[in-house]
PDB file of all heavy atoms in Angstrom:
ATOM      1  N   THR A   1     122.464 114.906  96.772  1.00  0.00           N
ATOM      2  CA  THR A   1     123.276 115.589  95.739  1.00  0.00           C
ATOM      3  C   THR A   1     124.208 114.587  95.084  1.00  0.00           C
ATOM      4  O   THR A   1     124.500 113.586  95.670  1.00  0.00           O
ATOM      5  CB  THR A   1     124.032 116.778  96.296  1.00  0.00           C
ATOM      6  OG1 THR A   1     125.122 116.188  97.170  1.00  0.00           O
ATOM      7  CG2 THR A   1     123.196 117.711  97.156  1.00  0.00           C
ATOM      8  N   PRO A   2     124.716 114.961  93.883  1.00  0.00           N
ATOM      9  CA  PRO A   2     125.811 114.088  93.350  1.00  0.00           C
ATOM     10  C   PRO A   2     127.025 114.172  94.301  1.00  0.00           C
ATOM     11  O   PRO A   2     127.169 115.104  95.087  1.00  0.00           O
ATOM     12  CB  PRO A   2     126.241 114.822  92.025  1.00  0.00           C
ATOM     13  CG  PRO A   2     125.039 115.694  91.659  1.00  0.00           C
ATOM     14  CD  PRO A   2     124.398 116.060  93.050  1.00  0.00           C
ATOM     15  N   PHE A   3     127.793 113.149  94.250  1.00  0.00           N
ATOM     16  CA  PHE A   3     128.988 113.059  95.260  1.00  0.00           C
ATOM     17  C   PHE A   3     129.954 114.184  95.092  1.00  0.00           C
ATOM     18  O   PHE A   3     130.514 114.585  96.093  1.00  0.00           O
ATOM     19  CB  PHE A   3     129.660 111.707  95.073  1.00  0.00           C
ATOM     20  CG  PHE A   3     130.527 111.400  96.172  1.00  0.00           C
ATOM     21  CD1 PHE A   3     130.116 110.981  97.406  1.00  0.00           C
ATOM     22  CD2 PHE A   3     131.955 111.511  95.997  1.00  0.00           C
ATOM     23  CE1 PHE A   3     130.893 110.687  98.478  1.00  0.00           C
ATOM     24  CE2 PHE A   3     132.806 111.120  97.039  1.00  0.00           C
ATOM     25  CZ  PHE A   3     132.279 110.796  98.305  1.00  0.00           C
ATOM     26  N   ASP A   4     130.094 114.770  93.915  1.00  0.00           N
ATOM     27  CA  ASP A   4     131.086 115.873  93.651  1.00  0.00           C
ATOM     28  C   ASP A   4     130.449 117.214  93.987  1.00  0.00           C
ATOM     29  O   ASP A   4     131.057 118.234  93.716  1.00  0.00           O
ATOM     30  CB  ASP A   4     131.679 115.854  92.339  1.00  0.00           C
ATOM     31  CG  ASP A   4     130.656 116.070  91.213  1.00  0.00           C
ATOM     32  OD1 ASP A   4     129.416 116.057  91.470  1.00  0.00           O
ATOM     33  OD2 ASP A   4     131.079 116.262  90.010  1.00  0.00           O
ATOM     34  N   PHE A   5     129.283 117.279  94.570  1.00  0.00           N
ATOM     35  CA  PHE A   5     128.499 118.532  94.845  1.00  0.00           C
ATOM     36  C   PHE A   5     129.248 119.319  95.887  1.00  0.00           C
ATOM     37  O   PHE A   5     129.853 118.881  96.839  1.00  0.00           O
ATOM     38  CB  PHE A   5     127.205 118.135  95.440  1.00  0.00           C
ATOM     39  CG  PHE A   5     126.276 119.273  95.771  1.00  0.00           C
ATOM     40  CD1 PHE A   5     125.454 119.847  94.864  1.00  0.00           C
ATOM     41  CD2 PHE A   5     126.230 119.705  97.097  1.00  0.00           C
ATOM     42  CE1 PHE A   5     124.599 120.830  95.215  1.00  0.00           C
ATOM     43  CE2 PHE A   5     125.344 120.714  97.449  1.00  0.00           C
ATOM     44  CZ  PHE A   5     124.589 121.316  96.455  1.00  0.00           C
ATOM     45  N   ASP A   6     129.344 120.677  95.700  1.00  0.00           N
ATOM     46  CA  ASP A   6     129.903 121.593  96.608  1.00  0.00           C
ATOM     47  C   ASP A   6     128.786 122.524  97.238  1.00  0.00           C
ATOM     48  O   ASP A   6     128.216 123.300  96.517  1.00  0.00           O
ATOM     49  CB  ASP A   6     131.000 122.532  95.874  1.00  0.00           C
ATOM     50  CG  ASP A   6     131.702 123.451  96.803  1.00  0.00           C
ATOM     51  OD1 ASP A   6     130.973 124.378  97.370  1.00  0.00           O
ATOM     52  OD2 ASP A   6     132.858 123.331  96.897  1.00  0.00           O
ATOM     53  N   TRP A   7     128.611 122.320  98.543  1.00  0.00           N
ATOM     54  CA  TRP A   7     127.434 122.932  99.146  1.00  0.00           C
ATOM     55  C   TRP A   7     127.526 124.493  99.111  1.00  0.00           C
ATOM     56  O   TRP A   7     126.597 125.084  98.796  1.00  0.00           O
ATOM     57  CB  TRP A   7     127.406 122.440 100.622  1.00  0.00           C
ATOM     58  CG  TRP A   7     126.201 123.051 101.365  1.00  0.00           C
ATOM     59  CD1 TRP A   7     126.161 124.084 102.170  1.00  0.00           C
ATOM     60  CD2 TRP A   7     124.829 122.471 101.300  1.00  0.00           C
ATOM     61  NE1 TRP A   7     124.841 124.282 102.670  1.00  0.00           N
ATOM     62  CE2 TRP A   7     124.063 123.363 102.127  1.00  0.00           C
ATOM     63  CE3 TRP A   7     124.320 121.375 100.667  1.00  0.00           C
ATOM     64  CZ2 TRP A   7     122.713 123.110 102.278  1.00  0.00           C
ATOM     65  CZ3 TRP A   7     122.995 121.166 100.869  1.00  0.00           C
ATOM     66  CH2 TRP A   7     122.165 121.926 101.597  1.00  0.00           C
ATOM     67  N   ASP A   8     128.689 125.018  99.503  1.00  0.00           N
ATOM     68  CA  ASP A   8     128.876 126.458  99.494  1.00  0.00           C
ATOM     69  C   ASP A   8     128.684 127.080  98.156  1.00  0.00           C
ATOM     70  O   ASP A   8     128.055 128.159  97.939  1.00  0.00           O
ATOM     71  CB  ASP A   8     130.291 126.842 100.035  1.00  0.00           C
ATOM     72  CG  ASP A   8     130.413 126.465 101.544  1.00  0.00           C
ATOM     73  OD1 ASP A   8     129.360 126.456 102.251  1.00  0.00           O
ATOM     74  OD2 ASP A   8     131.502 126.203 101.973  1.00  0.00           O
ATOM     75  N   GLU A   9     129.253 126.355  97.112  1.00  0.00           N
ATOM     76  CA  GLU A   9     129.098 126.830  95.710  1.00  0.00           C
ATOM     77  C   GLU A   9     127.637 126.843  95.289  1.00  0.00           C
ATOM     78  O   GLU A   9     127.120 127.808  94.696  1.00  0.00           O
ATOM     79  CB  GLU A   9     129.893 126.002  94.820  1.00  0.00           C
ATOM     80  CG  GLU A   9     129.858 126.395  93.335  1.00  0.00           C
ATOM     81  CD  GLU A   9     130.691 125.381  92.505  1.00  0.00           C
ATOM     82  OE1 GLU A   9     131.929 125.351  92.755  1.00  0.00           O
ATOM     83  OE2 GLU A   9     130.162 124.713  91.699  1.00  0.00           O
ATOM     84  N   ALA A  10     126.857 125.857  95.612  1.00  0.00           N
ATOM     85  CA  ALA A  10     125.496 125.787  95.291  1.00  0.00           C
ATOM     86  C   ALA A  10     124.677 126.816  95.928  1.00  0.00           C
ATOM     87  O   ALA A  10     123.762 127.401  95.389  1.00  0.00           O
ATOM     88  CB  ALA A  10     124.924 124.339  95.754  1.00  0.00           C
ATOM     89  N   PHE A  11     124.886 127.144  97.287  1.00  0.00           N
ATOM     90  CA  PHE A  11     124.143 128.115  97.972  1.00  0.00           C
ATOM     91  C   PHE A  11     124.508 129.528  97.413  1.00  0.00           C
ATOM     92  O   PHE A  11     123.579 130.380  97.303  1.00  0.00           O
ATOM     93  CB  PHE A  11     124.326 128.065  99.457  1.00  0.00           C
ATOM     94  CG  PHE A  11     123.186 127.304 100.175  1.00  0.00           C
ATOM     95  CD1 PHE A  11     123.266 125.965 100.422  1.00  0.00           C
ATOM     96  CD2 PHE A  11     121.997 128.049 100.490  1.00  0.00           C
ATOM     97  CE1 PHE A  11     122.266 125.291 101.039  1.00  0.00           C
ATOM     98  CE2 PHE A  11     120.976 127.392 101.077  1.00  0.00           C
ATOM     99  CZ  PHE A  11     121.099 125.985 101.388  1.00  0.00           C
ATOM    100  N   ALA A  12     125.700 129.762  97.041  1.00  0.00           N
ATOM    101  CA  ALA A  12     126.132 130.943  96.432  1.00  0.00           C
ATOM    102  C   ALA A  12     125.349 131.136  95.130  1.00  0.00           C
ATOM    103  O   ALA A  12     124.886 132.301  94.785  1.00  0.00           O
ATOM    104  CB  ALA A  12     127.651 131.067  96.259  1.00  0.00           C
ATOM    105  N   ARG A  13     125.299 130.126  94.322  1.00  0.00           N
ATOM    106  CA  ARG A  13     124.564 130.201  93.064  1.00  0.00           C
ATOM    107  C   ARG A  13     123.006 130.365  93.302  1.00  0.00           C
ATOM    108  O   ARG A  13     122.386 131.154  92.604  1.00  0.00           O
ATOM    109  CB  ARG A  13     124.799 128.897  92.375  1.00  0.00           C
ATOM    110  CG  ARG A  13     123.964 128.685  91.076  1.00  0.00           C
ATOM    111  CD  ARG A  13     124.562 129.456  89.870  1.00  0.00           C
ATOM    112  NE  ARG A  13     123.684 129.073  88.720  1.00  0.00           N
ATOM    113  CZ  ARG A  13     123.062 130.152  88.087  1.00  0.00           C
ATOM    114  NH1 ARG A  13     123.112 131.328  88.385  1.00  0.00           N
ATOM    115  NH2 ARG A  13     122.321 129.780  86.976  1.00  0.00           N
ATOM    116  N   LEU A  14     122.524 129.706  94.242  1.00  0.00           N
ATOM    117  CA  LEU A  14     121.102 129.822  94.600  1.00  0.00           C
ATOM    118  C   LEU A  14     120.733 131.211  94.854  1.00  0.00           C
ATOM    119  O   LEU A  14     119.667 131.763  94.426  1.00  0.00           O
ATOM    120  CB  LEU A  14     120.706 128.902  95.699  1.00  0.00           C
ATOM    121  CG  LEU A  14     119.295 128.849  96.126  1.00  0.00           C
ATOM    122  CD1 LEU A  14     118.409 128.335  95.017  1.00  0.00           C
ATOM    123  CD2 LEU A  14     119.103 128.022  97.326  1.00  0.00           C
ATOM    124  N   ALA A  15     121.565 131.931  95.578  1.00  0.00           N
ATOM    125  CA  ALA A  15     121.326 133.340  96.013  1.00  0.00           C
ATOM    126  C   ALA A  15     121.204 134.245  94.802  1.00  0.00           C
ATOM    127  O   ALA A  15     120.654 135.340  94.907  1.00  0.00           O
ATOM    128  CB  ALA A  15     122.363 133.795  97.006  1.00  0.00           C
ATOM    129  N   THR A  16     121.802 133.867  93.651  1.00  0.00           N
ATOM    130  CA  THR A  16     121.840 134.744  92.478  1.00  0.00           C
ATOM    131  C   THR A  16     120.683 134.574  91.502  1.00  0.00           C
ATOM    132  O   THR A  16     120.571 135.317  90.630  1.00  0.00           O
ATOM    133  CB  THR A  16     123.112 134.627  91.706  1.00  0.00           C
ATOM    134  OG1 THR A  16     123.134 133.314  91.093  1.00  0.00           O
ATOM    135  CG2 THR A  16     124.323 134.787  92.640  1.00  0.00           C
ATOM    136  N   LEU A  17     119.869 133.446  91.807  1.00  0.00           N
ATOM    137  CA  LEU A  17     118.841 133.103  90.821  1.00  0.00           C
ATOM    138  C   LEU A  17     117.627 133.999  90.934  1.00  0.00           C
ATOM    139  O   LEU A  17     117.307 134.636  92.083  1.00  0.00           O
ATOM    140  CB  LEU A  17     118.449 131.680  91.043  1.00  0.00           C
ATOM    141  CG  LEU A  17     119.520 130.644  90.708  1.00  0.00           C
ATOM    142  CD1 LEU A  17     118.984 129.255  91.011  1.00  0.00           C
ATOM    143  CD2 LEU A  17     119.999 130.795  89.297  1.00  0.00           C
ATOM    144  N   PRO A  18     116.910 134.277  89.894  1.00  0.00           N
ATOM    145  CA  PRO A  18     115.819 135.161  89.954  1.00  0.00           C
ATOM    146  C   PRO A  18     114.729 134.720  90.939  1.00  0.00           C
ATOM    147  O   PRO A  18     114.478 133.518  91.128  1.00  0.00           O
ATOM    148  CB  PRO A  18     115.142 135.032  88.495  1.00  0.00           C
ATOM    149  CG  PRO A  18     116.241 134.523  87.626  1.00  0.00           C
ATOM    150  CD  PRO A  18     117.160 133.752  88.574  1.00  0.00           C
ATOM    151  N   ARG A  19     114.198 135.681  91.693  1.00  0.00           N
ATOM    152  CA  ARG A  19     113.117 135.495  92.640  1.00  0.00           C
ATOM    153  C   ARG A  19     113.594 134.862  93.939  1.00  0.00           C
ATOM    154  O   ARG A  19     112.802 134.778  94.875  1.00  0.00           O
ATOM    155  CB  ARG A  19     111.861 134.759  92.095  1.00  0.00           C
ATOM    156  CG  ARG A  19     111.293 135.462  90.927  1.00  0.00           C
ATOM    157  CD  ARG A  19     109.939 134.917  90.452  1.00  0.00           C
ATOM    158  NE  ARG A  19     109.022 135.042  91.547  1.00  0.00           N
ATOM    159  CZ  ARG A  19     108.123 134.057  91.850  1.00  0.00           C
ATOM    160  NH1 ARG A  19     108.088 133.006  91.125  1.00  0.00           N
ATOM    161  NH2 ARG A  19     107.336 134.184  92.793  1.00  0.00           N
ATOM    162  N   GLN A  20     114.745 134.466  94.073  1.00  0.00           N
ATOM    163  CA  GLN A  20     115.316 133.752  95.307  1.00  0.00           C
ATOM    164  C   GLN A  20     115.220 134.758  96.436  1.00  0.00           C
ATOM    165  O   GLN A  20     114.819 134.369  97.570  1.00  0.00           O
ATOM    166  CB  GLN A  20     116.655 133.031  95.146  1.00  0.00           C
ATOM    167  CG  GLN A  20     117.086 132.317  96.312  1.00  0.00           C
ATOM    168  CD  GLN A  20     116.235 131.157  96.667  1.00  0.00           C
ATOM    169  OE1 GLN A  20     115.482 130.553  95.789  1.00  0.00           O
ATOM    170  NE2 GLN A  20     116.223 130.683  97.931  1.00  0.00           N
ATOM    171  N   GLU A  21     115.753 135.975  96.284  1.00  0.00           N
ATOM    172  CA  GLU A  21     115.754 136.923  97.321  1.00  0.00           C
ATOM    173  C   GLU A  21     114.390 137.252  97.773  1.00  0.00           C
ATOM    174  O   GLU A  21     114.053 137.353  98.946  1.00  0.00           O
ATOM    175  CB  GLU A  21     116.519 138.197  96.910  1.00  0.00           C
ATOM    176  CG  GLU A  21     116.628 139.127  98.071  1.00  0.00           C
ATOM    177  CD  GLU A  21     117.505 140.368  97.598  1.00  0.00           C
ATOM    178  OE1 GLU A  21     118.078 140.415  96.525  1.00  0.00           O
ATOM    179  OE2 GLU A  21     117.525 141.309  98.446  1.00  0.00           O
ATOM    180  N   GLU A  22     113.530 137.420  96.793  1.00  0.00           N
ATOM    181  CA  GLU A  22     112.064 137.663  97.065  1.00  0.00           C
ATOM    182  C   GLU A  22     111.488 136.628  97.989  1.00  0.00           C
ATOM    183  O   GLU A  22     110.784 136.846  98.964  1.00  0.00           O
ATOM    184  CB  GLU A  22     111.344 137.835  95.802  1.00  0.00           C
ATOM    185  CG  GLU A  22     109.850 138.039  95.918  1.00  0.00           C
ATOM    186  CD  GLU A  22     109.113 137.975  94.581  1.00  0.00           C
ATOM    187  OE1 GLU A  22     109.784 138.186  93.538  1.00  0.00           O
ATOM    188  OE2 GLU A  22     107.904 137.765  94.647  1.00  0.00           O
ATOM    189  N   TRP A  23     111.772 135.301  97.526  1.00  0.00           N
ATOM    190  CA  TRP A  23     111.241 134.166  98.264  1.00  0.00           C
ATOM    191  C   TRP A  23     111.767 134.129  99.707  1.00  0.00           C
ATOM    192  O   TRP A  23     111.060 133.982 100.689  1.00  0.00           O
ATOM    193  CB  TRP A  23     111.684 132.871  97.577  1.00  0.00           C
ATOM    194  CG  TRP A  23     111.289 131.632  98.333  1.00  0.00           C
ATOM    195  CD1 TRP A  23     112.188 130.808  99.012  1.00  0.00           C
ATOM    196  CD2 TRP A  23     109.999 131.007  98.468  1.00  0.00           C
ATOM    197  NE1 TRP A  23     111.491 129.727  99.474  1.00  0.00           N
ATOM    198  CE2 TRP A  23     110.157 129.854  99.232  1.00  0.00           C
ATOM    199  CE3 TRP A  23     108.711 131.360  98.082  1.00  0.00           C
ATOM    200  CZ2 TRP A  23     109.125 129.051  99.576  1.00  0.00           C
ATOM    201  CZ3 TRP A  23     107.653 130.564  98.393  1.00  0.00           C
ATOM    202  CH2 TRP A  23     107.859 129.447  99.206  1.00  0.00           C
ATOM    203  N   GLU A  24     113.102 134.398  99.878  1.00  0.00           N
ATOM    204  CA  GLU A  24     113.752 134.386 101.250  1.00  0.00           C
ATOM    205  C   GLU A  24     113.200 135.480 102.069  1.00  0.00           C
ATOM    206  O   GLU A  24     112.854 135.294 103.318  1.00  0.00           O
ATOM    207  CB  GLU A  24     115.214 134.556 101.166  1.00  0.00           C
ATOM    208  CG  GLU A  24     115.992 133.455 100.458  1.00  0.00           C
ATOM    209  CD  GLU A  24     115.857 132.154 101.174  1.00  0.00           C
ATOM    210  OE1 GLU A  24     115.582 132.069 102.380  1.00  0.00           O
ATOM    211  OE2 GLU A  24     116.212 131.052 100.635  1.00  0.00           O
ATOM    212  N   THR A  25     112.903 136.683 101.522  1.00  0.00           N
ATOM    213  CA  THR A  25     112.367 137.848 102.312  1.00  0.00           C
ATOM    214  C   THR A  25     110.976 137.406 102.759  1.00  0.00           C
ATOM    215  O   THR A  25     110.645 137.674 103.825  1.00  0.00           O
ATOM    216  CB  THR A  25     112.407 139.085 101.400  1.00  0.00           C
ATOM    217  OG1 THR A  25     113.687 139.442 101.062  1.00  0.00           O
ATOM    218  CG2 THR A  25     111.720 140.217 102.157  1.00  0.00           C
ATOM    219  N   TYR A  26     110.184 136.885 101.883  1.00  0.00           N
ATOM    220  CA  TYR A  26     108.822 136.516 102.255  1.00  0.00           C
ATOM    221  C   TYR A  26     108.897 135.404 103.251  1.00  0.00           C
ATOM    222  O   TYR A  26     108.127 135.461 104.250  1.00  0.00           O
ATOM    223  CB  TYR A  26     108.008 136.086 100.956  1.00  0.00           C
ATOM    224  CG  TYR A  26     106.656 135.612 101.367  1.00  0.00           C
ATOM    225  CD1 TYR A  26     105.597 136.475 101.729  1.00  0.00           C
ATOM    226  CD2 TYR A  26     106.354 134.259 101.283  1.00  0.00           C
ATOM    227  CE1 TYR A  26     104.357 136.034 102.224  1.00  0.00           C
ATOM    228  CE2 TYR A  26     105.129 133.757 101.781  1.00  0.00           C
ATOM    229  CZ  TYR A  26     104.161 134.698 102.205  1.00  0.00           C
ATOM    230  OH  TYR A  26     102.894 134.276 102.536  1.00  0.00           O
ATOM    231  N   MET A  27     109.610 134.313 103.076  1.00  0.00           N
ATOM    232  CA  MET A  27     109.566 133.186 104.016  1.00  0.00           C
ATOM    233  C   MET A  27     110.061 133.596 105.381  1.00  0.00           C
ATOM    234  O   MET A  27     109.755 133.003 106.374  1.00  0.00           O
ATOM    235  CB  MET A  27     110.229 132.023 103.458  1.00  0.00           C
ATOM    236  CG  MET A  27     109.654 131.461 102.207  1.00  0.00           C
ATOM    237  SD  MET A  27     107.855 131.158 102.394  1.00  0.00           S
ATOM    238  CE  MET A  27     107.867 129.570 103.100  1.00  0.00           C
ATOM    239  N   SER A  28     110.879 134.725 105.488  1.00  0.00           N
ATOM    240  CA  SER A  28     111.353 135.064 106.774  1.00  0.00           C
ATOM    241  C   SER A  28     110.336 135.526 107.713  1.00  0.00           C
ATOM    242  O   SER A  28     110.539 135.551 108.957  1.00  0.00           O
ATOM    243  CB  SER A  28     112.503 136.199 106.660  1.00  0.00           C
ATOM    244  OG  SER A  28     111.819 137.324 106.153  1.00  0.00           O
ATOM    245  N   ILE A  29     109.142 135.825 107.208  1.00  0.00           N
ATOM    246  CA  ILE A  29     108.004 136.244 108.071  1.00  0.00           C
ATOM    247  C   ILE A  29     107.692 135.066 109.019  1.00  0.00           C
ATOM    248  O   ILE A  29     107.328 135.250 110.129  1.00  0.00           O
ATOM    249  CB  ILE A  29     106.801 136.556 107.260  1.00  0.00           C
ATOM    250  CG1 ILE A  29     107.036 137.799 106.392  1.00  0.00           C
ATOM    251  CG2 ILE A  29     105.576 136.739 108.136  1.00  0.00           C
ATOM    252  CD1 ILE A  29     106.027 137.935 105.292  1.00  0.00           C
ATOM    253  N   PHE A  30     107.958 133.834 108.507  1.00  0.00           N
ATOM    254  CA  PHE A  30     107.581 132.616 109.309  1.00  0.00           C
ATOM    255  C   PHE A  30     108.601 132.043 110.130  1.00  0.00           C
ATOM    256  O   PHE A  30     108.432 131.288 111.073  1.00  0.00           O
ATOM    257  CB  PHE A  30     107.104 131.584 108.386  1.00  0.00           C
ATOM    258  CG  PHE A  30     105.998 132.093 107.353  1.00  0.00           C
ATOM    259  CD1 PHE A  30     106.315 132.439 106.041  1.00  0.00           C
ATOM    260  CD2 PHE A  30     104.642 132.132 107.741  1.00  0.00           C
ATOM    261  CE1 PHE A  30     105.324 132.848 105.164  1.00  0.00           C
ATOM    262  CE2 PHE A  30     103.666 132.530 106.894  1.00  0.00           C
ATOM    263  CZ  PHE A  30     104.035 132.905 105.581  1.00  0.00           C
ATOM    264  N   GLN A  31     109.905 132.383 109.776  1.00  0.00           N
ATOM    265  CA  GLN A  31     111.087 131.656 110.347  1.00  0.00           C
ATOM    266  C   GLN A  31     111.747 132.348 111.509  1.00  0.00           C
ATOM    267  O   GLN A  31     111.735 133.630 111.514  1.00  0.00           O
ATOM    268  CB  GLN A  31     112.047 131.525 109.185  1.00  0.00           C
ATOM    269  CG  GLN A  31     111.517 130.715 108.058  1.00  0.00           C
ATOM    270  CD  GLN A  31     112.348 130.828 106.829  1.00  0.00           C
ATOM    271  OE1 GLN A  31     113.149 131.776 106.594  1.00  0.00           O
ATOM    272  NE2 GLN A  31     112.319 129.884 105.922  1.00  0.00           N
ATOM    273  N   VAL A  32     112.343 131.676 112.368  1.00  0.00           N
ATOM    274  CA  VAL A  32     113.140 132.249 113.362  1.00  0.00           C
ATOM    275  C   VAL A  32     114.546 132.530 112.934  1.00  0.00           C
ATOM    276  O   VAL A  32     115.291 131.551 112.805  1.00  0.00           O
ATOM    277  CB  VAL A  32     113.191 131.310 114.680  1.00  0.00           C
ATOM    278  CG1 VAL A  32     114.122 131.846 115.726  1.00  0.00           C
ATOM    279  CG2 VAL A  32     111.819 130.944 115.204  1.00  0.00           C
ATOM    280  N   ALA A  33     114.754 133.644 112.399  1.00  0.00           N
ATOM    281  CA  ALA A  33     116.003 133.963 111.835  1.00  0.00           C
ATOM    282  C   ALA A  33     116.148 135.565 111.848  1.00  0.00           C
ATOM    283  O   ALA A  33     115.109 136.181 111.884  1.00  0.00           O
ATOM    284  CB  ALA A  33     116.104 133.479 110.363  1.00  0.00           C
ATOM    285  N   ARG A  34     117.407 136.056 111.697  1.00  0.00           N
ATOM    286  CA  ARG A  34     117.552 137.445 111.671  1.00  0.00           C
ATOM    287  C   ARG A  34     117.031 138.042 110.362  1.00  0.00           C
ATOM    288  O   ARG A  34     117.174 137.290 109.302  1.00  0.00           O
ATOM    289  CB  ARG A  34     118.963 137.851 111.960  1.00  0.00           C
ATOM    290  CG  ARG A  34     119.902 137.464 110.849  1.00  0.00           C
ATOM    291  CD  ARG A  34     121.335 138.125 111.049  1.00  0.00           C
ATOM    292  NE  ARG A  34     122.275 137.707 109.963  1.00  0.00           N
ATOM    293  CZ  ARG A  34     122.183 138.176 108.820  1.00  0.00           C
ATOM    294  NH1 ARG A  34     121.287 139.088 108.349  1.00  0.00           N
ATOM    295  NH2 ARG A  34     123.011 137.701 107.740  1.00  0.00           N
ATOM    296  N   PRO A  35     116.559 139.248 110.353  1.00  0.00           N
ATOM    297  CA  PRO A  35     116.092 139.852 109.097  1.00  0.00           C
ATOM    298  C   PRO A  35     117.220 139.885 108.027  1.00  0.00           C
ATOM    299  O   PRO A  35     118.346 140.230 108.386  1.00  0.00           O
ATOM    300  CB  PRO A  35     115.729 141.235 109.485  1.00  0.00           C
ATOM    301  CG  PRO A  35     115.386 141.168 111.024  1.00  0.00           C
ATOM    302  CD  PRO A  35     116.353 140.117 111.476  1.00  0.00           C
ATOM    303  N   GLY A  36     116.915 139.569 106.822  1.00  0.00           N
ATOM    304  CA  GLY A  36     117.860 139.681 105.763  1.00  0.00           C
ATOM    305  C   GLY A  36     118.731 138.437 105.643  1.00  0.00           C
ATOM    306  O   GLY A  36     119.630 138.324 104.731  1.00  0.00           O
ATOM    307  N   ALA A  37     118.571 137.448 106.467  1.00  0.00           N
ATOM    308  CA  ALA A  37     119.379 136.169 106.460  1.00  0.00           C
ATOM    309  C   ALA A  37     119.208 135.456 105.164  1.00  0.00           C
ATOM    310  O   ALA A  37     118.059 135.399 104.631  1.00  0.00           O
ATOM    311  CB  ALA A  37     119.106 135.341 107.597  1.00  0.00           C
ATOM    312  N   THR A  38     120.209 134.912 104.560  1.00  0.00           N
ATOM    313  CA  THR A  38     120.096 134.125 103.353  1.00  0.00           C
ATOM    314  C   THR A  38     119.683 132.733 103.847  1.00  0.00           C
ATOM    315  O   THR A  38     119.765 132.331 104.961  1.00  0.00           O
ATOM    316  CB  THR A  38     121.468 133.979 102.663  1.00  0.00           C
ATOM    317  OG1 THR A  38     122.402 133.291 103.485  1.00  0.00           O
ATOM    318  CG2 THR A  38     122.028 135.328 102.282  1.00  0.00           C
ATOM    319  N   SER A  39     119.331 131.936 102.871  1.00  0.00           N
ATOM    320  CA  SER A  39     118.902 130.488 103.134  1.00  0.00           C
ATOM    321  C   SER A  39     120.047 129.830 103.778  1.00  0.00           C
ATOM    322  O   SER A  39     119.872 128.996 104.673  1.00  0.00           O
ATOM    323  CB  SER A  39     118.520 129.844 101.787  1.00  0.00           C
ATOM    324  OG  SER A  39     117.974 128.541 102.110  1.00  0.00           O
ATOM    325  N   ALA A  40     121.295 130.052 103.314  1.00  0.00           N
ATOM    326  CA  ALA A  40     122.483 129.339 103.869  1.00  0.00           C
ATOM    327  C   ALA A  40     122.686 129.768 105.378  1.00  0.00           C
ATOM    328  O   ALA A  40     123.186 128.917 106.160  1.00  0.00           O
ATOM    329  CB  ALA A  40     123.738 129.734 103.134  1.00  0.00           C
ATOM    330  N   GLU A  41     122.236 130.915 105.699  1.00  0.00           N
ATOM    331  CA  GLU A  41     122.365 131.404 107.086  1.00  0.00           C
ATOM    332  C   GLU A  41     121.212 130.918 108.067  1.00  0.00           C
ATOM    333  O   GLU A  41     121.351 130.706 109.219  1.00  0.00           O
ATOM    334  CB  GLU A  41     122.481 132.906 107.137  1.00  0.00           C
ATOM    335  CG  GLU A  41     123.670 133.458 106.488  1.00  0.00           C
ATOM    336  CD  GLU A  41     123.562 134.969 106.219  1.00  0.00           C
ATOM    337  OE1 GLU A  41     122.581 135.492 105.995  1.00  0.00           O
ATOM    338  OE2 GLU A  41     124.730 135.586 106.311  1.00  0.00           O
ATOM    339  N   LYS A  42     120.062 130.672 107.466  1.00  0.00           N
ATOM    340  CA  LYS A  42     118.847 130.281 108.204  1.00  0.00           C
ATOM    341  C   LYS A  42     118.897 128.815 108.529  1.00  0.00           C
ATOM    342  O   LYS A  42     118.657 128.430 109.654  1.00  0.00           O
ATOM    343  CB  LYS A  42     117.612 130.566 107.332  1.00  0.00           C
ATOM    344  CG  LYS A  42     117.261 131.993 107.131  1.00  0.00           C
ATOM    345  CD  LYS A  42     116.004 132.040 106.364  1.00  0.00           C
ATOM    346  CE  LYS A  42     115.784 133.365 105.697  1.00  0.00           C
ATOM    347  NZ  LYS A  42     114.616 133.326 104.837  1.00  0.00           N
ATOM    348  N   TRP A  43     119.168 128.016 107.536  1.00  0.00           N
ATOM    349  CA  TRP A  43     119.161 126.576 107.726  1.00  0.00           C
ATOM    350  C   TRP A  43     120.536 126.134 108.313  1.00  0.00           C
ATOM    351  O   TRP A  43     121.562 126.420 107.729  1.00  0.00           O
ATOM    352  CB  TRP A  43     119.000 125.852 106.348  1.00  0.00           C
ATOM    353  CG  TRP A  43     117.616 125.951 105.976  1.00  0.00           C
ATOM    354  CD1 TRP A  43     117.042 126.898 104.986  1.00  0.00           C
ATOM    355  CD2 TRP A  43     116.511 125.017 106.193  1.00  0.00           C
ATOM    356  NE1 TRP A  43     115.698 126.659 104.865  1.00  0.00           N
ATOM    357  CE2 TRP A  43     115.380 125.511 105.512  1.00  0.00           C
ATOM    358  CE3 TRP A  43     116.391 123.940 106.936  1.00  0.00           C
ATOM    359  CZ2 TRP A  43     114.112 124.930 105.483  1.00  0.00           C
ATOM    360  CZ3 TRP A  43     115.171 123.268 107.032  1.00  0.00           C
ATOM    361  CH2 TRP A  43     114.027 123.855 106.323  1.00  0.00           C
ATOM    362  N   ARG A  44     120.472 125.477 109.427  1.00  0.00           N
ATOM    363  CA  ARG A  44     121.605 125.045 110.201  1.00  0.00           C
ATOM    364  C   ARG A  44     121.983 123.600 109.841  1.00  0.00           C
ATOM    365  O   ARG A  44     121.101 122.738 109.998  1.00  0.00           O
ATOM    366  CB  ARG A  44     121.488 125.275 111.681  1.00  0.00           C
ATOM    367  CG  ARG A  44     121.226 126.737 111.996  1.00  0.00           C
ATOM    368  CD  ARG A  44     121.130 127.061 113.445  1.00  0.00           C
ATOM    369  NE  ARG A  44     122.404 126.602 114.012  1.00  0.00           N
ATOM    370  CZ  ARG A  44     122.348 126.175 115.301  1.00  0.00           C
ATOM    371  NH1 ARG A  44     121.296 126.204 116.085  1.00  0.00           N
ATOM    372  NH2 ARG A  44     123.584 125.809 115.825  1.00  0.00           N
TER     373      ARG A  44
END
């Protein structure tokens, strides 16, 4: 990322983008994560 990048701000923005929730819901089928977890919560 650029040096002035804010991780929390970017993940908050990502969660609002079209189809992101659909993508997260679908990919959760494959991932070890709690149901409904956001990308920010899944990736440690």
